[in-house]
Amino acid sequence: MDTKNIADYIPYGAKYAVSQETLAQILNTDKRQVRLYIEQARRQGVPICSGNEGYFLPLTPAEALPYIIAQKRRILTAMTVVRAVENYLRQQAER
């Protein structure tokens, strides 16, 4: 499947979000492959958002904002963890 085609199965509007499981059934694949299709499409510029209800294409900037905020929080959390491990490694190297 062309990864941009995944967007053909994703509705516009957060209230119409489609679950990963539903997409897997529609595409006759597993949830892991759906995640890969979504990731690839996002890397190609398709603005696929996700929330508790599933995947959707935003109708407005306001619909995309919660997704953006959640992703930024994930990044900040990951960076905090990376810094902690880096600090540990530095301390070990100084011994």
Protein backbone atom coordinates (compact mmCIF):
# COMPACT_ATOMS: atom_id res chain seq x y z
CA MET A 1 0.00 0.00 0.00
CA ASP A 2 1.19 3.50 -0.79
CA THR A 3 1.51 5.08 2.63
CA LYS A 4 -0.32 8.22 1.54
CA ASN A 5 -3.32 6.03 0.75
CA ILE A 6 -3.79 5.35 4.47
CA ALA A 7 -5.28 8.85 4.59
CA ASP A 8 -8.08 7.60 2.33
CA TYR A 9 -9.31 5.52 5.28
CA ILE A 10 -9.00 8.22 7.92
CA PRO A 11 -11.92 10.60 8.37
CA TYR A 12 -11.80 14.36 8.70
CA GLY A 13 -12.78 15.60 12.13
CA ALA A 14 -11.91 14.40 15.63
CA LYS A 15 -15.49 13.34 16.32
CA TYR A 16 -15.23 10.82 13.47
CA ALA A 17 -11.87 9.34 14.52
CA VAL A 18 -11.26 5.73 13.52
CA SER A 19 -9.52 3.25 15.80
CA GLN A 20 -6.33 1.42 14.99
CA GLU A 21 -8.21 -1.86 15.27
CA THR A 22 -10.84 -0.74 12.76
CA LEU A 23 -8.14 0.39 10.32
CA ALA A 24 -6.39 -2.97 10.68
CA GLN A 25 -9.64 -4.77 9.85
CA ILE A 26 -10.40 -2.52 6.87
CA LEU A 27 -6.85 -2.91 5.51
CA ASN A 28 -6.70 -6.62 6.31
CA THR A 29 -3.51 -6.22 8.33
CA ASP A 30 -2.40 -5.97 11.95
CA LYS A 31 -2.26 -2.95 14.25
CA ARG A 32 1.54 -2.81 14.07
CA GLN A 33 1.38 -2.38 10.29
CA VAL A 34 -1.26 0.32 10.69
CA ARG A 35 1.10 2.21 13.03
CA LEU A 36 3.85 1.92 10.40
CA TYR A 37 1.56 3.22 7.65
CA ILE A 38 0.53 6.13 9.88
CA GLU A 39 4.13 6.96 10.76
CA GLN A 40 5.24 6.86 7.13
CA ALA A 41 2.33 9.03 6.01
CA ARG A 42 3.07 11.57 8.75
CA ARG A 43 6.72 11.69 7.66
CA GLN A 44 5.50 12.44 4.14
CA GLY A 45 3.47 15.38 5.42
CA VAL A 46 0.00 13.91 5.91
CA PRO A 47 -1.34 15.63 9.05
CA ILE A 48 -2.81 12.56 10.74
CA CYS A 49 -3.73 13.33 14.33
CA SER A 50 -4.71 10.88 17.04
CA GLY A 51 -6.51 10.95 20.33
CA ASN A 52 -8.31 8.60 22.68
CA GLU A 53 -10.86 7.73 20.01
CA GLY A 54 -8.40 7.01 17.20
CA TYR A 55 -6.96 8.63 14.11
CA PHE A 56 -8.38 11.60 12.22
CA LEU A 57 -7.42 14.38 9.85
CA PRO A 58 -7.98 17.77 11.47
CA LEU A 59 -10.68 20.01 10.09
CA THR A 60 -9.29 23.05 11.88
CA PRO A 61 -6.07 24.10 13.62
CA ALA A 62 -7.96 23.81 16.93
CA GLU A 63 -8.51 20.10 16.27
CA ALA A 64 -4.80 19.55 15.68
CA LEU A 65 -3.67 21.45 18.77
CA PRO A 66 -4.33 18.74 21.41
CA TYR A 67 -2.31 16.26 19.33
CA ILE A 68 0.57 18.73 18.97
CA ILE A 69 0.58 19.46 22.71
CA ALA A 70 0.55 15.74 23.58
CA GLN A 71 3.43 15.02 21.21
CA LYS A 72 5.49 17.88 22.61
CA ARG A 73 4.92 16.56 26.13
CA ARG A 74 6.11 13.12 25.04
CA ILE A 75 9.24 14.66 23.55
CA LEU A 76 9.97 16.61 26.74
CA THR A 77 9.49 13.49 28.86
CA ALA A 78 11.78 11.47 26.60
CA MET A 79 14.45 14.18 26.76
CA THR A 80 14.26 14.21 30.56
CA VAL A 81 14.87 10.47 30.62
CA VAL A 82 17.74 10.73 28.13
CA ARG A 83 19.38 13.47 30.21
CA ALA A 84 19.12 11.34 33.35
CA VAL A 85 20.88 8.43 31.63
CA GLU A 86 23.51 10.76 30.17
CA ASN A 87 24.17 12.18 33.65
CA TYR A 88 24.52 8.68 35.03
CA LEU A 89 27.02 7.76 32.32
CA ARG A 90 29.03 10.93 33.00
CA GLN A 91 29.14 10.10 36.70
CA GLN A 92 30.30 6.58 35.96
CA ALA A 93 33.03 7.85 33.65
CA GLU A 94 34.33 10.15 36.39
CA ARG A 95 34.88 7.28 38.81
